[in-house]
Amino acid sequence: MTPTELNTKVASTLHRADLTTQITGFIGDAKERIERRFGVTLDITTDIPAMTELLFYYATMQAAYEYLNDGDNARYYSDRWELECDRQNVLNPGTVTDNYAAEPPNMGV
């Protein structure tokens, strides 16, 4: 999927052709969010990396609904994004736990 295809898909889902300029910004927000969460640097100038399409879609939809002040739908897509992040298991392949909610190490105190 290219960023242009994602832009078209989001505009279609929102039924808002007037937001194409803002959607480009929402895609940029999604990229930054994914990079922060997983500690990677993505280049999406020509193509969105395989297996990250849903991460981009959910984060872009959340940003769009936040822009439209639709908190219920923004929360829905935020939850979908968190679930997809957990499914990716980028940091610990084969685990089902959230790597960011791990217990702190026992310091022997």
PDB file of N, CA and C in Angstrom:
ATOM      1  N   MET A   1       0.846  -1.169   0.000  1.00  0.00           N
ATOM      2  CA  MET A   1       0.000   0.000   0.000  1.00  0.00           C
ATOM      3  C   MET A   1       0.893   1.234   0.000  1.00  0.00           C
ATOM      4  N   THR A   2       0.525   2.196  -0.810  1.00  0.00           N
ATOM      5  CA  THR A   2       1.259   3.462  -0.847  1.00  0.00           C
ATOM      6  C   THR A   2       0.557   4.483   0.054  1.00  0.00           C
ATOM      7  N   PRO A   3       1.258   5.543   0.429  1.00  0.00           N
ATOM      8  CA  PRO A   3       0.598   6.583   1.224  1.00  0.00           C
ATOM      9  C   PRO A   3      -0.621   7.186   0.512  1.00  0.00           C
ATOM     10  N   THR A   4      -0.571   7.275  -0.816  1.00  0.00           N
ATOM     11  CA  THR A   4      -1.713   7.793  -1.568  1.00  0.00           C
ATOM     12  C   THR A   4      -2.909   6.858  -1.455  1.00  0.00           C
ATOM     13  N   GLU A   5      -2.661   5.550  -1.527  1.00  0.00           N
ATOM     14  CA  GLU A   5      -3.749   4.578  -1.372  1.00  0.00           C
ATOM     15  C   GLU A   5      -4.336   4.646   0.035  1.00  0.00           C
ATOM     16  N   LEU A   6      -3.478   4.817   1.048  1.00  0.00           N
ATOM     17  CA  LEU A   6      -3.967   4.947   2.413  1.00  0.00           C
ATOM     18  C   LEU A   6      -4.794   6.216   2.556  1.00  0.00           C
ATOM     19  N   ASN A   7      -4.348   7.299   1.968  1.00  0.00           N
ATOM     20  CA  ASN A   7      -5.092   8.554   1.998  1.00  0.00           C
ATOM     21  C   ASN A   7      -6.487   8.361   1.402  1.00  0.00           C
ATOM     22  N   THR A   8      -6.566   7.693   0.251  1.00  0.00           N
ATOM     23  CA  THR A   8      -7.844   7.437  -0.401  1.00  0.00           C
ATOM     24  C   THR A   8      -8.734   6.544   0.447  1.00  0.00           C
ATOM     25  N   LYS A   9      -8.143   5.505   1.060  1.00  0.00           N
ATOM     26  CA  LYS A   9      -8.907   4.581   1.896  1.00  0.00           C
ATOM     27  C   LYS A   9      -9.494   5.293   3.118  1.00  0.00           C
ATOM     28  N   VAL A  10      -8.695   6.137   3.760  1.00  0.00           N
ATOM     29  CA  VAL A  10      -9.159   6.865   4.943  1.00  0.00           C
ATOM     30  C   VAL A  10     -10.257   7.847   4.552  1.00  0.00           C
ATOM     31  N   ALA A  11     -10.063   8.591   3.459  1.00  0.00           N
ATOM     32  CA  ALA A  11     -11.081   9.543   3.005  1.00  0.00           C
ATOM     33  C   ALA A  11     -12.377   8.823   2.675  1.00  0.00           C
ATOM     34  N   SER A  12     -12.272   7.644   2.079  1.00  0.00           N
ATOM     35  CA  SER A  12     -13.457   6.856   1.751  1.00  0.00           C
ATOM     36  C   SER A  12     -14.179   6.378   3.005  1.00  0.00           C
ATOM     37  N   THR A  13     -13.414   5.906   3.987  1.00  0.00           N
ATOM     38  CA  THR A  13     -14.014   5.426   5.237  1.00  0.00           C
ATOM     39  C   THR A  13     -14.696   6.562   5.987  1.00  0.00           C
ATOM     40  N   LEU A  14     -14.070   7.734   5.977  1.00  0.00           N
ATOM     41  CA  LEU A  14     -14.631   8.899   6.660  1.00  0.00           C
ATOM     42  C   LEU A  14     -15.771   9.557   5.886  1.00  0.00           C
ATOM     43  N   HIS A  15     -15.889   9.214   4.594  1.00  0.00           N
ATOM     44  CA  HIS A  15     -16.855   9.868   3.700  1.00  0.00           C
ATOM     45  C   HIS A  15     -16.597  11.376   3.669  1.00  0.00           C
ATOM     46  N   ARG A  16     -15.296  11.741   3.625  1.00  0.00           N
ATOM     47  CA  ARG A  16     -14.898  13.144   3.647  1.00  0.00           C
ATOM     48  C   ARG A  16     -13.797  13.372   2.616  1.00  0.00           C
ATOM     49  N   ALA A  17     -14.164  13.795   1.440  1.00  0.00           N
ATOM     50  CA  ALA A  17     -13.179  14.100   0.404  1.00  0.00           C
ATOM     51  C   ALA A  17     -12.483  15.431   0.668  1.00  0.00           C
ATOM     52  N   ASP A  18     -13.035  16.244   1.565  1.00  0.00           N
ATOM     53  CA  ASP A  18     -12.460  17.558   1.841  1.00  0.00           C
ATOM     54  C   ASP A  18     -11.283  17.516   2.805  1.00  0.00           C
ATOM     55  N   LEU A  19     -10.956  16.349   3.329  1.00  0.00           N
ATOM     56  CA  LEU A  19      -9.876  16.243   4.316  1.00  0.00           C
ATOM     57  C   LEU A  19      -8.572  15.677   3.755  1.00  0.00           C
ATOM     58  N   THR A  20      -8.428  15.623   2.431  1.00  0.00           N
ATOM     59  CA  THR A  20      -7.239  14.958   1.867  1.00  0.00           C
ATOM     60  C   THR A  20      -5.938  15.622   2.312  1.00  0.00           C
ATOM     61  N   THR A  21      -5.912  16.933   2.447  1.00  0.00           N
ATOM     62  CA  THR A  21      -4.700  17.616   2.905  1.00  0.00           C
ATOM     63  C   THR A  21      -4.391  17.253   4.350  1.00  0.00           C
ATOM     64  N   GLN A  22      -5.418  17.247   5.205  1.00  0.00           N
ATOM     65  CA  GLN A  22      -5.219  16.905   6.605  1.00  0.00           C
ATOM     66  C   GLN A  22      -4.838  15.432   6.771  1.00  0.00           C
ATOM     67  N   ILE A  23      -5.391  14.571   5.934  1.00  0.00           N
ATOM     68  CA  ILE A  23      -5.100  13.136   6.046  1.00  0.00           C
ATOM     69  C   ILE A  23      -3.615  12.869   5.838  1.00  0.00           C
ATOM     70  N   THR A  24      -2.977  13.625   4.969  1.00  0.00           N
ATOM     71  CA  THR A  24      -1.531  13.484   4.780  1.00  0.00           C
ATOM     72  C   THR A  24      -0.805  13.743   6.097  1.00  0.00           C
ATOM     73  N   GLY A  25      -1.256  14.739   6.835  1.00  0.00           N
ATOM     74  CA  GLY A  25      -0.682  15.009   8.160  1.00  0.00           C
ATOM     75  C   GLY A  25      -0.975  13.895   9.143  1.00  0.00           C
ATOM     76  N   PHE A  26      -2.185  13.317   9.053  1.00  0.00           N
ATOM     77  CA  PHE A  26      -2.534  12.215   9.951  1.00  0.00           C
ATOM     78  C   PHE A  26      -1.651  11.000   9.693  1.00  0.00           C
ATOM     79  N   ILE A  27      -1.311  10.764   8.434  1.00  0.00           N
ATOM     80  CA  ILE A  27      -0.411   9.656   8.086  1.00  0.00           C
ATOM     81  C   ILE A  27       0.973   9.920   8.674  1.00  0.00           C
ATOM     82  N   GLY A  28       1.428  11.160   8.625  1.00  0.00           N
ATOM     83  CA  GLY A  28       2.707  11.523   9.250  1.00  0.00           C
ATOM     84  C   GLY A  28       2.673  11.305  10.757  1.00  0.00           C
ATOM     85  N   ASP A  29       1.533  11.646  11.382  1.00  0.00           N
ATOM     86  CA  ASP A  29       1.374  11.393  12.817  1.00  0.00           C
ATOM     87  C   ASP A  29       1.442   9.902  13.121  1.00  0.00           C
ATOM     88  N   ALA A  30       0.800   9.098  12.264  1.00  0.00           N
ATOM     89  CA  ALA A  30       0.811   7.647  12.450  1.00  0.00           C
ATOM     90  C   ALA A  30       2.236   7.108  12.347  1.00  0.00           C
ATOM     91  N   LYS A  31       2.994   7.610  11.378  1.00  0.00           N
ATOM     92  CA  LYS A  31       4.383   7.182  11.212  1.00  0.00           C
ATOM     93  C   LYS A  31       5.195   7.481  12.466  1.00  0.00           C
ATOM     94  N   GLU A  32       5.050   8.693  12.998  1.00  0.00           N
ATOM     95  CA  GLU A  32       5.788   9.055  14.214  1.00  0.00           C
ATOM     96  C   GLU A  32       5.370   8.186  15.395  1.00  0.00           C
ATOM     97  N   ARG A  33       4.093   7.892  15.492  1.00  0.00           N
ATOM     98  CA  ARG A  33       3.606   7.065  16.596  1.00  0.00           C
ATOM     99  C   ARG A  33       4.183   5.645  16.521  1.00  0.00           C
ATOM    100  N   ILE A  34       4.211   5.079  15.329  1.00  0.00           N
ATOM    101  CA  ILE A  34       4.767   3.731  15.142  1.00  0.00           C
ATOM    102  C   ILE A  34       6.261   3.735  15.438  1.00  0.00           C
ATOM    103  N   GLU A  35       6.970   4.756  14.955  1.00  0.00           N
ATOM    104  CA  GLU A  35       8.412   4.834  15.201  1.00  0.00           C
ATOM    105  C   GLU A  35       8.708   4.943  16.693  1.00  0.00           C
ATOM    106  N   ARG A  36       7.927   5.737  17.408  1.00  0.00           N
ATOM    107  CA  ARG A  36       8.121   5.865  18.857  1.00  0.00           C
ATOM    108  C   ARG A  36       7.835   4.558  19.577  1.00  0.00           C
ATOM    109  N   ARG A  37       6.747   3.904  19.203  1.00  0.00           N
ATOM    110  CA  ARG A  37       6.336   2.674  19.905  1.00  0.00           C
ATOM    111  C   ARG A  37       7.349   1.547  19.719  1.00  0.00           C
ATOM    112  N   PHE A  38       7.848   1.392  18.480  1.00  0.00           N
ATOM    113  CA  PHE A  38       8.707   0.249  18.179  1.00  0.00           C
ATOM    114  C   PHE A  38      10.184   0.602  18.066  1.00  0.00           C
ATOM    115  N   GLY A  39      10.542   1.878  18.169  1.00  0.00           N
ATOM    116  CA  GLY A  39      11.945   2.268  18.103  1.00  0.00           C
ATOM    117  C   GLY A  39      12.576   2.021  16.750  1.00  0.00           C
ATOM    118  N   VAL A  40      11.831   2.275  15.684  1.00  0.00           N
ATOM    119  CA  VAL A  40      12.331   2.072  14.327  1.00  0.00           C
ATOM    120  C   VAL A  40      12.233   3.379  13.561  1.00  0.00           C
ATOM    121  N   THR A  41      12.904   3.419  12.413  1.00  0.00           N
ATOM    122  CA  THR A  41      12.776   4.553  11.500  1.00  0.00           C
ATOM    123  C   THR A  41      12.206   4.020  10.198  1.00  0.00           C
ATOM    124  N   LEU A  42      11.072   4.574   9.786  1.00  0.00           N
ATOM    125  CA  LEU A  42      10.384   4.098   8.587  1.00  0.00           C
ATOM    126  C   LEU A  42      10.502   5.123   7.470  1.00  0.00           C
ATOM    127  N   ASP A  43      10.644   4.627   6.256  1.00  0.00           N
ATOM    128  CA  ASP A  43      10.623   5.479   5.070  1.00  0.00           C
ATOM    129  C   ASP A  43       9.365   5.133   4.292  1.00  0.00           C
ATOM    130  N   ILE A  44       8.393   6.038   4.307  1.00  0.00           N
ATOM    131  CA  ILE A  44       7.121   5.743   3.633  1.00  0.00           C
ATOM    132  C   ILE A  44       6.904   6.672   2.442  1.00  0.00           C
ATOM    133  N   THR A  45       7.980   7.184   1.865  1.00  0.00           N
ATOM    134  CA  THR A  45       7.825   8.111   0.745  1.00  0.00           C
ATOM    135  C   THR A  45       7.192   7.435  -0.467  1.00  0.00           C
ATOM    136  N   THR A  46       7.492   6.165  -0.700  1.00  0.00           N
ATOM    137  CA  THR A  46       6.925   5.474  -1.859  1.00  0.00           C
ATOM    138  C   THR A  46       6.010   4.328  -1.480  1.00  0.00           C
ATOM    139  N   ASP A  47       6.240   3.696  -0.338  1.00  0.00           N
ATOM    140  CA  ASP A  47       5.458   2.515   0.026  1.00  0.00           C
ATOM    141  C   ASP A  47       5.446   2.353   1.538  1.00  0.00           C
ATOM    142  N   ILE A  48       4.324   1.904   2.057  1.00  0.00           N
ATOM    143  CA  ILE A  48       4.215   1.585   3.478  1.00  0.00           C
ATOM    144  C   ILE A  48       4.734   0.156   3.662  1.00  0.00           C
ATOM    145  N   PRO A  49       5.643  -0.068   4.610  1.00  0.00           N
ATOM    146  CA  PRO A  49       6.229  -1.403   4.765  1.00  0.00           C
ATOM    147  C   PRO A  49       5.168  -2.485   4.968  1.00  0.00           C
ATOM    148  N   ALA A  50       5.447  -3.649   4.385  1.00  0.00           N
ATOM    149  CA  ALA A  50       4.528  -4.787   4.525  1.00  0.00           C
ATOM    150  C   ALA A  50       4.332  -5.106   6.000  1.00  0.00           C
ATOM    151  N   MET A  51       3.182  -5.582   6.345  1.00  0.00           N
ATOM    152  CA  MET A  51       2.787  -5.988   7.696  1.00  0.00           C
ATOM    153  C   MET A  51       2.560  -4.798   8.638  1.00  0.00           C
ATOM    154  N   THR A  52       2.646  -3.569   8.141  1.00  0.00           N
ATOM    155  CA  THR A  52       2.355  -2.416   8.998  1.00  0.00           C
ATOM    156  C   THR A  52       1.134  -1.645   8.507  1.00  0.00           C
ATOM    157  N   GLU A  53       0.455  -2.162   7.485  1.00  0.00           N
ATOM    158  CA  GLU A  53      -0.674  -1.431   6.915  1.00  0.00           C
ATOM    159  C   GLU A  53      -1.760  -1.150   7.952  1.00  0.00           C
ATOM    160  N   LEU A  54      -2.091  -2.157   8.769  1.00  0.00           N
ATOM    161  CA  LEU A  54      -3.126  -1.944   9.784  1.00  0.00           C
ATOM    162  C   LEU A  54      -2.673  -0.966  10.854  1.00  0.00           C
ATOM    163  N   LEU A  55      -1.402  -1.017  11.229  1.00  0.00           N
ATOM    164  CA  LEU A  55      -0.892  -0.048  12.195  1.00  0.00           C
ATOM    165  C   LEU A  55      -1.075   1.375  11.661  1.00  0.00           C
ATOM    166  N   PHE A  56      -0.725   1.581  10.402  1.00  0.00           N
ATOM    167  CA  PHE A  56      -0.882   2.898   9.794  1.00  0.00           C
ATOM    168  C   PHE A  56      -2.352   3.281   9.674  1.00  0.00           C
ATOM    169  N   TYR A  57      -3.175   2.338   9.246  1.00  0.00           N
ATOM    170  CA  TYR A  57      -4.603   2.641   9.062  1.00  0.00           C
ATOM    171  C   TYR A  57      -5.256   3.029  10.389  1.00  0.00           C
ATOM    172  N   TYR A  58      -5.056   2.212  11.421  1.00  0.00           N
ATOM    173  CA  TYR A  58      -5.695   2.494  12.712  1.00  0.00           C
ATOM    174  C   TYR A  58      -5.203   3.815  13.312  1.00  0.00           C
ATOM    175  N   ALA A  59      -3.905   4.067  13.263  1.00  0.00           N
ATOM    176  CA  ALA A  59      -3.369   5.307  13.831  1.00  0.00           C
ATOM    177  C   ALA A  59      -3.842   6.524  13.035  1.00  0.00           C
ATOM    178  N   THR A  60      -3.932   6.389  11.714  1.00  0.00           N
ATOM    179  CA  THR A  60      -4.423   7.490  10.881  1.00  0.00           C
ATOM    180  C   THR A  60      -5.891   7.760  11.155  1.00  0.00           C
ATOM    181  N   MET A  61      -6.693   6.703  11.292  1.00  0.00           N
ATOM    182  CA  MET A  61      -8.116   6.881  11.594  1.00  0.00           C
ATOM    183  C   MET A  61      -8.303   7.525  12.964  1.00  0.00           C
ATOM    184  N   GLN A  62      -7.499   7.131  13.935  1.00  0.00           N
ATOM    185  CA  GLN A  62      -7.605   7.740  15.257  1.00  0.00           C
ATOM    186  C   GLN A  62      -7.315   9.241  15.170  1.00  0.00           C
ATOM    187  N   ALA A  63      -6.251   9.607  14.466  1.00  0.00           N
ATOM    188  CA  ALA A  63      -5.906  11.019  14.324  1.00  0.00           C
ATOM    189  C   ALA A  63      -7.020  11.791  13.610  1.00  0.00           C
ATOM    190  N   ALA A  64      -7.620  11.171  12.604  1.00  0.00           N
ATOM    191  CA  ALA A  64      -8.707  11.826  11.868  1.00  0.00           C
ATOM    192  C   ALA A  64      -9.910  12.065  12.770  1.00  0.00           C
ATOM    193  N   TYR A  65     -10.287  11.069  13.545  1.00  0.00           N
ATOM    194  CA  TYR A  65     -11.448  11.237  14.413  1.00  0.00           C
ATOM    195  C   TYR A  65     -11.157  12.199  15.563  1.00  0.00           C
ATOM    196  N   GLU A  66      -9.913  12.255  16.015  1.00  0.00           N
ATOM    197  CA  GLU A  66      -9.558  13.273  17.009  1.00  0.00           C
ATOM    198  C   GLU A  66      -9.701  14.668  16.399  1.00  0.00           C
ATOM    199  N   TYR A  67      -9.279  14.823  15.156  1.00  0.00           N
ATOM    200  CA  TYR A  67      -9.411  16.090  14.452  1.00  0.00           C
ATOM    201  C   TYR A  67     -10.887  16.478  14.315  1.00  0.00           C
ATOM    202  N   LEU A  68     -11.741  15.489  14.095  1.00  0.00           N
ATOM    203  CA  LEU A  68     -13.175  15.734  13.927  1.00  0.00           C
ATOM    204  C   LEU A  68     -13.927  15.795  15.253  1.00  0.00           C
ATOM    205  N   ASN A  69     -13.196  15.718  16.363  1.00  0.00           N
ATOM    206  CA  ASN A  69     -13.787  15.738  17.710  1.00  0.00           C
ATOM    207  C   ASN A  69     -14.795  14.608  17.916  1.00  0.00           C
ATOM    208  N   ASP A  70     -14.488  13.440  17.392  1.00  0.00           N
ATOM    209  CA  ASP A  70     -15.330  12.254  17.573  1.00  0.00           C
ATOM    210  C   ASP A  70     -14.577  11.286  18.485  1.00  0.00           C
ATOM    211  N   GLY A  71     -14.732  11.500  19.791  1.00  0.00           N
ATOM    212  CA  GLY A  71     -13.970  10.738  20.773  1.00  0.00           C
ATOM    213  C   GLY A  71     -14.259   9.255  20.783  1.00  0.00           C
ATOM    214  N   ASP A  72     -15.512   8.864  20.548  1.00  0.00           N
ATOM    215  CA  ASP A  72     -15.859   7.436  20.573  1.00  0.00           C
ATOM    216  C   ASP A  72     -15.137   6.672  19.468  1.00  0.00           C
ATOM    217  N   ASN A  73     -15.173   7.200  18.255  1.00  0.00           N
ATOM    218  CA  ASN A  73     -14.480   6.519  17.159  1.00  0.00           C
ATOM    219  C   ASN A  73     -12.967   6.602  17.311  1.00  0.00           C
ATOM    220  N   ALA A  74     -12.463   7.710  17.838  1.00  0.00           N
ATOM    221  CA  ALA A  74     -11.017   7.821  18.075  1.00  0.00           C
ATOM    222  C   ALA A  74     -10.581   6.766  19.083  1.00  0.00           C
ATOM    223  N   ARG A  75     -11.355   6.558  20.123  1.00  0.00           N
ATOM    224  CA  ARG A  75     -11.039   5.547  21.133  1.00  0.00           C
ATOM    225  C   ARG A  75     -11.104   4.145  20.526  1.00  0.00           C
ATOM    226  N   TYR A  76     -12.092   3.904  19.675  1.00  0.00           N
ATOM    227  CA  TYR A  76     -12.223   2.604  19.011  1.00  0.00           C
ATOM    228  C   TYR A  76     -10.948   2.285  18.213  1.00  0.00           C
ATOM    229  N   TYR A  77     -10.496   3.241  17.389  1.00  0.00           N
ATOM    230  CA  TYR A  77      -9.310   2.994  16.572  1.00  0.00           C
ATOM    231  C   TYR A  77      -8.040   2.957  17.414  1.00  0.00           C
ATOM    232  N   SER A  78      -8.020   3.673  18.517  1.00  0.00           N
ATOM    233  CA  SER A  78      -6.886   3.578  19.435  1.00  0.00           C
ATOM    234  C   SER A  78      -6.786   2.166  20.012  1.00  0.00           C
ATOM    235  N   ASP A  79      -7.929   1.601  20.409  1.00  0.00           N
ATOM    236  CA  ASP A  79      -7.940   0.225  20.924  1.00  0.00           C
ATOM    237  C   ASP A  79      -7.507  -0.766  19.860  1.00  0.00           C
ATOM    238  N   ARG A  80      -7.985  -0.594  18.627  1.00  0.00           N
ATOM    239  CA  ARG A  80      -7.578  -1.490  17.531  1.00  0.00           C
ATOM    240  C   ARG A  80      -6.075  -1.378  17.299  1.00  0.00           C
ATOM    241  N   TRP A  81      -5.526  -0.151  17.385  1.00  0.00           N
ATOM    242  CA  TRP A  81      -4.096   0.054  17.182  1.00  0.00           C
ATOM    243  C   TRP A  81      -3.287  -0.670  18.252  1.00  0.00           C
ATOM    244  N   GLU A  82      -3.716  -0.544  19.505  1.00  0.00           N
ATOM    245  CA  GLU A  82      -3.012  -1.226  20.600  1.00  0.00           C
ATOM    246  C   GLU A  82      -3.033  -2.741  20.410  1.00  0.00           C
ATOM    247  N   LEU A  83      -4.170  -3.283  20.003  1.00  0.00           N
ATOM    248  CA  LEU A  83      -4.249  -4.728  19.756  1.00  0.00           C
ATOM    249  C   LEU A  83      -3.321  -5.154  18.623  1.00  0.00           C
ATOM    250  N   GLU A  84      -3.281  -4.375  17.561  1.00  0.00           N
ATOM    251  CA  GLU A  84      -2.407  -4.712  16.436  1.00  0.00           C
ATOM    252  C   GLU A  84      -0.940  -4.606  16.843  1.00  0.00           C
ATOM    253  N   CYS A  85      -0.602  -3.634  17.681  1.00  0.00           N
ATOM    254  CA  CYS A  85       0.779  -3.540  18.188  1.00  0.00           C
ATOM    255  C   CYS A  85       1.136  -4.789  18.977  1.00  0.00           C
ATOM    256  N   ASP A  86       0.209  -5.240  19.813  1.00  0.00           N
ATOM    257  CA  ASP A  86       0.460  -6.465  20.577  1.00  0.00           C
ATOM    258  C   ASP A  86       0.616  -7.666  19.657  1.00  0.00           C
ATOM    259  N   ARG A  87      -0.127  -7.708  18.578  1.00  0.00           N
ATOM    260  CA  ARG A  87      -0.029  -8.833  17.630  1.00  0.00           C
ATOM    261  C   ARG A  87       1.290  -8.824  16.872  1.00  0.00           C
ATOM    262  N   GLN A  88       1.857  -7.657  16.688  1.00  0.00           N
ATOM    263  CA  GLN A  88       3.123  -7.569  15.952  1.00  0.00           C
ATOM    264  C   GLN A  88       4.269  -8.229  16.716  1.00  0.00           C
ATOM    265  N   ASN A  89       4.257  -8.117  18.060  1.00  0.00           N
ATOM    266  CA  ASN A  89       5.302  -8.725  18.894  1.00  0.00           C
ATOM    267  C   ASN A  89       6.688  -8.447  18.344  1.00  0.00           C
ATOM    268  N   VAL A  90       6.965  -7.201  18.105  1.00  0.00           N
ATOM    269  CA  VAL A  90       8.238  -6.824  17.494  1.00  0.00           C
ATOM    270  C   VAL A  90       9.404  -7.058  18.450  1.00  0.00           C
ATOM    271  N   LEU A  91       9.233  -6.761  19.724  1.00  0.00           N
ATOM    272  CA  LEU A  91      10.358  -6.835  20.648  1.00  0.00           C
ATOM    273  C   LEU A  91      10.621  -8.227  21.189  1.00  0.00           C
ATOM    274  N   ASN A  92       9.606  -9.022  21.374  1.00  0.00           N
ATOM    275  CA  ASN A  92       9.749 -10.382  21.897  1.00  0.00           C
ATOM    276  C   ASN A  92       8.918 -11.344  21.055  1.00  0.00           C
ATOM    277  N   PRO A  93       9.404 -11.774  19.905  1.00  0.00           N
ATOM    278  CA  PRO A  93       8.623 -12.688  19.078  1.00  0.00           C
ATOM    279  C   PRO A  93       8.250 -13.955  19.858  1.00  0.00           C
ATOM    280  N   GLY A  94       7.022 -14.365  19.693  1.00  0.00           N
ATOM    281  CA  GLY A  94       6.565 -15.582  20.357  1.00  0.00           C
ATOM    282  C   GLY A  94       5.912 -15.340  21.694  1.00  0.00           C
ATOM    283  N   THR A  95       5.897 -14.101  22.179  1.00  0.00           N
ATOM    284  CA  THR A  95       5.244 -13.819  23.446  1.00  0.00           C
ATOM    285  C   THR A  95       3.887 -13.189  23.188  1.00  0.00           C
ATOM    286  N   VAL A  96       3.069 -13.184  24.202  1.00  0.00           N
ATOM    287  CA  VAL A  96       1.752 -12.571  24.070  1.00  0.00           C
ATOM    288  C   VAL A  96       1.583 -11.417  25.049  1.00  0.00           C
ATOM    289  N   THR A  97       2.646 -11.030  25.727  1.00  0.00           N
ATOM    290  CA  THR A  97       2.550  -9.950  26.701  1.00  0.00           C
ATOM    291  C   THR A  97       2.953  -8.629  26.075  1.00  0.00           C
ATOM    292  N   ASP A  98       2.462  -7.551  26.645  1.00  0.00           N
ATOM    293  CA  ASP A  98       2.845  -6.231  26.199  1.00  0.00           C
ATOM    294  C   ASP A  98       4.214  -5.916  26.781  1.00  0.00           C
ATOM    295  N   ASN A  99       5.174  -5.662  25.922  1.00  0.00           N
ATOM    296  CA  ASN A  99       6.544  -5.425  26.367  1.00  0.00           C
ATOM    297  C   ASN A  99       6.686  -4.174  27.222  1.00  0.00           C
ATOM    298  N   TYR A 100       5.738  -3.268  27.125  1.00  0.00           N
ATOM    299  CA  TYR A 100       5.827  -2.015  27.859  1.00  0.00           C
ATOM    300  C   TYR A 100       5.171  -2.102  29.234  1.00  0.00           C
ATOM    301  N   ALA A 101       4.525  -3.209  29.533  1.00  0.00           N
ATOM    302  CA  ALA A 101       3.862  -3.365  30.827  1.00  0.00           C
ATOM    303  C   ALA A 101       4.576  -4.384  31.690  1.00  0.00           C
ATOM    304  N   ALA A 102       5.813  -4.697  31.387  1.00  0.00           N
ATOM    305  CA  ALA A 102       6.552  -5.705  32.124  1.00  0.00           C
ATOM    306  C   ALA A 102       6.865  -5.215  33.536  1.00  0.00           C
ATOM    307  N   GLU A 103       7.006  -6.165  34.447  1.00  0.00           N
ATOM    308  CA  GLU A 103       7.372  -5.838  35.829  1.00  0.00           C
ATOM    309  C   GLU A 103       8.792  -5.270  35.844  1.00  0.00           C
ATOM    310  N   PRO A 104       9.042  -4.294  36.702  1.00  0.00           N
ATOM    311  CA  PRO A 104      10.414  -3.799  36.808  1.00  0.00           C
ATOM    312  C   PRO A 104      11.314  -4.872  37.387  1.00  0.00           C
ATOM    313  N   PRO A 105      12.599  -4.831  37.089  1.00  0.00           N
ATOM    314  CA  PRO A 105      13.504  -5.873  37.585  1.00  0.00           C
ATOM    315  C   PRO A 105      13.618  -5.811  39.110  1.00  0.00           C
ATOM    316  N   ASN A 106      13.829  -6.973  39.723  1.00  0.00           N
ATOM    317  CA  ASN A 106      14.018  -7.057  41.167  1.00  0.00           C
ATOM    318  C   ASN A 106      15.451  -6.638  41.464  1.00  0.00           C
ATOM    319  N   MET A 107      15.610  -5.573  42.215  1.00  0.00           N
ATOM    320  CA  MET A 107      16.936  -5.034  42.497  1.00  0.00           C
ATOM    321  C   MET A 107      17.516  -5.603  43.789  1.00  0.00           C
ATOM    322  N   GLY A 108      16.843  -6.583  44.392  1.00  0.00           N
ATOM    323  CA  GLY A 108      17.352  -7.227  45.589  1.00  0.00           C
ATOM    324  C   GLY A 108      17.191  -6.368  46.850  1.00  0.00           C
ATOM    325  N   VAL A 109      16.306  -5.416  46.817  1.00  0.00           N
ATOM    326  CA  VAL A 109      16.118  -4.531  47.974  1.00  0.00           C
ATOM    327  C   VAL A 109      15.036  -5.067  48.861  1.00  0.00           C
TER     328      VAL A 109
END
